[in-house]
């Protein structure tokens, strides 16, 4: 049975789940969520897809899961891939939790405020504060990646797929790969893995659709 992932291309959190499916070898297909026209805020979506009004949502037969980290763990449990070995699974979880709190949540909000709001409605002071927090997070990740190929252990895991969630997007939000050489090398390495795709190629939905 084909797994369905409710997602949209602009969503870094959806991208994490889509990448995990892509690298797992599972049969899956994206279902576009029309976020920018308010689909996730509709009563129908909240009643039938996700009461939290968010994406991604994974449906695998009778299984319905939300939150990218939960979906990633389900994929790891189902396939034996991407979860790390033995005690590494706790280190993978540590980075998933760190990313969702310190990196992706802030990057997603900053990117949204800077690129998907009219300029006269952009909260400049908030954006500056968020960018300061992001710089601290990039510093943590860049130092961790010094001399490493992957965030945890010797192979690609969900730790990598969660932390990269927003870092391939072209819209400016204060991240320049050239400023963080270890992150840059890691992102290049990840993008060279068989099956990798850019978020706008892996999932439906692109800012150009609304241009």
Protein backbone atom coordinates (compact mmCIF):
# COMPACT_ATOMS: atom_id res chain seq x y z
CA UNK A 1 0.00 0.00 0.00
CA UNK A 2 1.33 3.41 -0.96
CA UNK A 3 1.99 5.74 1.96
CA UNK A 4 0.49 9.20 1.58
CA UNK A 5 2.25 12.27 2.92
CA UNK A 6 0.20 15.44 3.22
CA UNK A 7 2.78 18.13 2.58
CA UNK A 8 3.73 21.19 0.56
CA UNK A 9 7.00 22.23 -1.02
CA UNK A 10 7.50 25.38 1.01
CA UNK A 11 7.36 23.48 4.32
CA UNK A 12 10.71 22.48 5.77
CA UNK A 13 9.00 20.25 8.32
CA UNK A 14 7.24 18.43 5.48
CA UNK A 15 10.60 18.14 3.75
CA UNK A 16 12.08 16.24 6.71
CA UNK A 17 9.35 13.62 6.50
CA UNK A 18 9.50 13.46 2.70
CA UNK A 19 13.28 12.95 2.77
CA UNK A 20 12.92 10.17 5.33
CA UNK A 21 10.40 8.44 3.07
CA UNK A 22 12.60 9.03 0.05
CA UNK A 23 15.70 7.50 1.66
CA UNK A 24 13.77 4.66 3.32
CA UNK A 25 12.81 3.00 0.05
CA UNK A 26 9.13 2.89 1.02
CA UNK A 27 6.48 3.41 -1.63
CA UNK A 28 4.98 6.85 -1.02
CA UNK A 29 3.29 9.74 -2.72
CA UNK A 30 2.81 13.40 -1.76
CA UNK A 31 -0.63 14.91 -1.28
CA UNK A 32 -0.49 18.68 -1.72
CA UNK A 33 -1.72 20.79 1.17
CA UNK A 34 -2.81 24.23 -0.05
CA UNK A 35 -1.42 26.04 2.97
CA UNK A 36 -1.32 29.51 1.45
CA UNK A 37 -5.01 29.40 0.59
CA UNK A 38 -5.89 28.38 4.13
CA UNK A 39 -6.45 24.64 3.78
CA UNK A 40 -4.87 23.79 7.15
CA UNK A 41 -7.14 26.31 8.87
CA UNK A 42 -10.31 24.86 7.40
CA UNK A 43 -12.74 22.86 9.55
CA UNK A 44 -12.56 20.02 7.02
CA UNK A 45 -8.80 19.69 7.28
CA UNK A 46 -8.85 19.81 11.06
CA UNK A 47 -11.65 17.27 11.26
CA UNK A 48 -10.36 14.84 8.65
CA UNK A 49 -6.59 15.27 8.39
CA UNK A 50 -4.99 16.94 11.42
CA UNK A 51 -6.75 18.54 14.34
CA UNK A 52 -3.62 20.63 14.97
CA UNK A 53 -3.98 22.28 11.57
CA UNK A 54 -0.46 21.44 10.46
CA UNK A 55 1.53 19.53 7.86
CA UNK A 56 3.08 17.03 7.41
CA UNK A 57 0.65 14.19 7.99
CA UNK A 58 1.51 10.59 7.13
CA UNK A 59 -1.17 8.03 6.35
CA UNK A 60 -0.12 4.41 6.06
CA UNK A 61 -3.25 2.26 5.91
CA UNK A 62 -4.95 2.69 9.28
CA UNK A 63 -1.98 4.59 10.71
CA UNK A 64 -2.17 8.39 10.76
CA UNK A 65 0.74 10.35 12.22
CA UNK A 66 1.57 14.03 12.54
CA UNK A 67 4.71 15.95 13.56
CA UNK A 68 7.81 15.44 11.46
CA UNK A 69 9.88 13.85 14.24
CA UNK A 70 7.17 11.28 14.96
CA UNK A 71 6.87 10.47 11.28
CA UNK A 72 10.63 10.06 10.98
CA UNK A 73 10.66 7.66 13.94
CA UNK A 74 7.81 5.63 12.45
CA UNK A 75 9.73 5.29 9.20
CA UNK A 76 12.85 4.21 11.11
CA UNK A 77 10.88 1.63 13.10
CA UNK A 78 9.12 0.31 10.00
CA UNK A 79 12.25 -0.05 7.88
CA UNK A 80 15.18 -0.33 10.28
CA UNK A 81 16.78 2.60 8.48
CA UNK A 82 17.75 6.15 9.51
CA UNK A 83 17.26 5.61 13.24
CA UNK A 84 20.84 4.92 14.25
CA UNK A 85 22.19 1.75 15.84
CA UNK A 86 21.89 0.69 19.49
CA UNK A 87 22.51 3.69 21.73
CA UNK A 88 22.81 6.01 18.72
CA UNK A 89 19.02 6.19 18.60
CA UNK A 90 19.04 8.40 21.67
CA UNK A 91 21.59 10.70 20.10
CA UNK A 92 19.44 10.88 16.97
CA UNK A 93 16.45 11.81 19.14
CA UNK A 94 18.53 14.43 20.94
CA UNK A 95 19.27 16.17 17.65
CA UNK A 96 15.67 15.88 16.45
CA UNK A 97 14.48 17.61 19.62
CA UNK A 98 17.24 20.22 19.46
CA UNK A 99 16.48 20.99 15.82
CA UNK A 100 12.76 21.38 16.39
CA UNK A 101 13.35 23.75 19.28
CA UNK A 102 16.48 25.67 18.28
CA UNK A 103 16.88 25.48 14.50
CA UNK A 104 13.97 24.54 12.27
CA UNK A 105 11.23 26.24 14.27
CA UNK A 106 13.14 29.52 14.23
CA UNK A 107 14.33 29.17 10.64
CA UNK A 108 10.82 28.41 9.43
CA UNK A 109 9.33 31.43 11.17
CA UNK A 110 12.11 33.77 10.03
CA UNK A 111 11.86 32.60 6.43
CA UNK A 112 8.08 33.02 6.49
CA UNK A 113 8.25 36.53 7.92
CA UNK A 114 10.91 37.64 5.45
CA UNK A 115 9.54 36.07 2.29
CA UNK A 116 5.83 35.39 2.58
CA UNK A 117 4.61 38.60 4.23
CA UNK A 118 4.38 42.01 2.51
CA UNK A 119 7.44 44.06 3.36
CA UNK A 120 5.43 46.66 5.25
CA UNK A 121 4.08 43.94 7.55
CA UNK A 122 7.42 42.33 8.32
CA UNK A 123 8.36 42.72 12.02
CA UNK A 124 11.97 43.85 11.60
CA UNK A 125 12.91 43.70 15.28
CA UNK A 126 11.52 40.18 15.65
CA UNK A 127 13.34 39.06 12.51
CA UNK A 128 16.62 40.43 13.86
CA UNK A 129 16.08 38.61 17.16
CA UNK A 130 15.30 35.35 15.37
CA UNK A 131 18.37 35.70 13.17
CA UNK A 132 20.50 36.11 16.29
CA UNK A 133 19.10 32.88 17.68
CA UNK A 134 19.69 31.15 14.36
CA UNK A 135 23.30 32.26 14.26
CA UNK A 136 23.83 30.59 17.63
CA UNK A 137 22.21 27.40 16.33
CA UNK A 138 24.33 27.40 13.16
CA UNK A 139 27.41 27.78 15.34
CA UNK A 140 26.47 24.71 17.39
CA UNK A 141 25.85 22.62 14.28
CA UNK A 142 28.93 23.85 12.42
CA UNK A 143 31.23 23.04 15.35
CA UNK A 144 29.61 19.63 15.76
CA UNK A 145 30.20 18.82 12.09
CA UNK A 146 33.92 19.56 12.24
CA UNK A 147 35.68 16.36 11.21
CA UNK A 148 32.38 14.48 10.82
CA UNK A 149 30.48 13.25 7.80
CA UNK A 150 27.14 12.81 9.56
CA UNK A 151 25.56 14.26 12.69
CA UNK A 152 25.31 10.90 14.47
CA UNK A 153 27.51 7.89 13.84
CA UNK A 154 28.94 6.89 10.49
CA UNK A 155 25.85 7.03 8.30
CA UNK A 156 22.89 9.14 7.33
CA UNK A 157 20.17 9.27 10.01
CA UNK A 158 17.07 11.23 10.88
CA UNK A 159 19.34 13.61 12.76
CA UNK A 160 20.67 14.79 9.41
CA UNK A 161 17.24 14.88 7.80
CA UNK A 162 15.73 16.99 10.56
CA UNK A 163 18.54 19.53 10.80
CA UNK A 164 18.71 20.12 7.04
CA UNK A 165 14.97 20.82 6.83
CA UNK A 166 15.17 24.51 5.98
CA UNK A 167 18.79 24.84 4.85
CA UNK A 168 18.33 24.06 1.15
CA UNK A 169 15.68 26.71 0.51
CA UNK A 170 16.71 29.58 -1.79
CA UNK A 171 14.66 32.31 -0.07
CA UNK A 172 16.85 34.53 2.13
CA UNK A 173 16.44 34.30 5.87
CA UNK A 174 19.95 35.04 7.10
CA UNK A 175 21.67 31.75 6.24
CA UNK A 176 24.65 31.72 3.88
CA UNK A 177 26.30 28.34 3.51
CA UNK A 178 29.64 29.97 2.75
CA UNK A 179 29.73 31.34 6.30
CA UNK A 180 29.55 27.85 7.78
CA UNK A 181 32.04 25.58 5.98
CA UNK A 182 31.30 22.41 7.96
CA UNK A 183 27.56 22.80 7.45
CA UNK A 184 28.17 23.53 3.78
CA UNK A 185 30.24 20.36 3.30
CA UNK A 186 27.60 18.30 5.12
CA UNK A 187 24.75 19.70 3.03
CA UNK A 188 26.71 18.96 -0.14
CA UNK A 189 27.40 15.41 1.04
CA UNK A 190 23.72 14.86 1.84
CA UNK A 191 22.58 16.22 -1.52
CA UNK A 192 24.89 13.75 -3.26
CA UNK A 193 23.11 10.73 -1.74
CA UNK A 194 21.05 8.61 -4.17
CA UNK A 195 17.41 9.66 -4.02
CA UNK A 196 17.98 13.16 -2.66
CA UNK A 197 15.83 15.89 -4.15
CA UNK A 198 15.44 19.58 -3.49
CA UNK A 199 12.23 20.35 -1.55
CA UNK A 200 10.61 22.04 -4.55
CA UNK A 201 11.32 18.93 -6.62
CA UNK A 202 10.31 16.41 -3.98
CA UNK A 203 6.96 17.92 -2.97
CA UNK A 204 4.24 19.92 -4.76
CA UNK A 205 4.12 23.62 -4.03
CA UNK A 206 6.50 26.41 -4.97
CA UNK A 207 6.44 30.20 -4.49
CA UNK A 208 6.54 30.51 -8.28
CA UNK A 209 3.08 28.95 -8.36
CA UNK A 210 1.73 32.11 -6.68
CA UNK A 211 3.88 34.63 -8.52
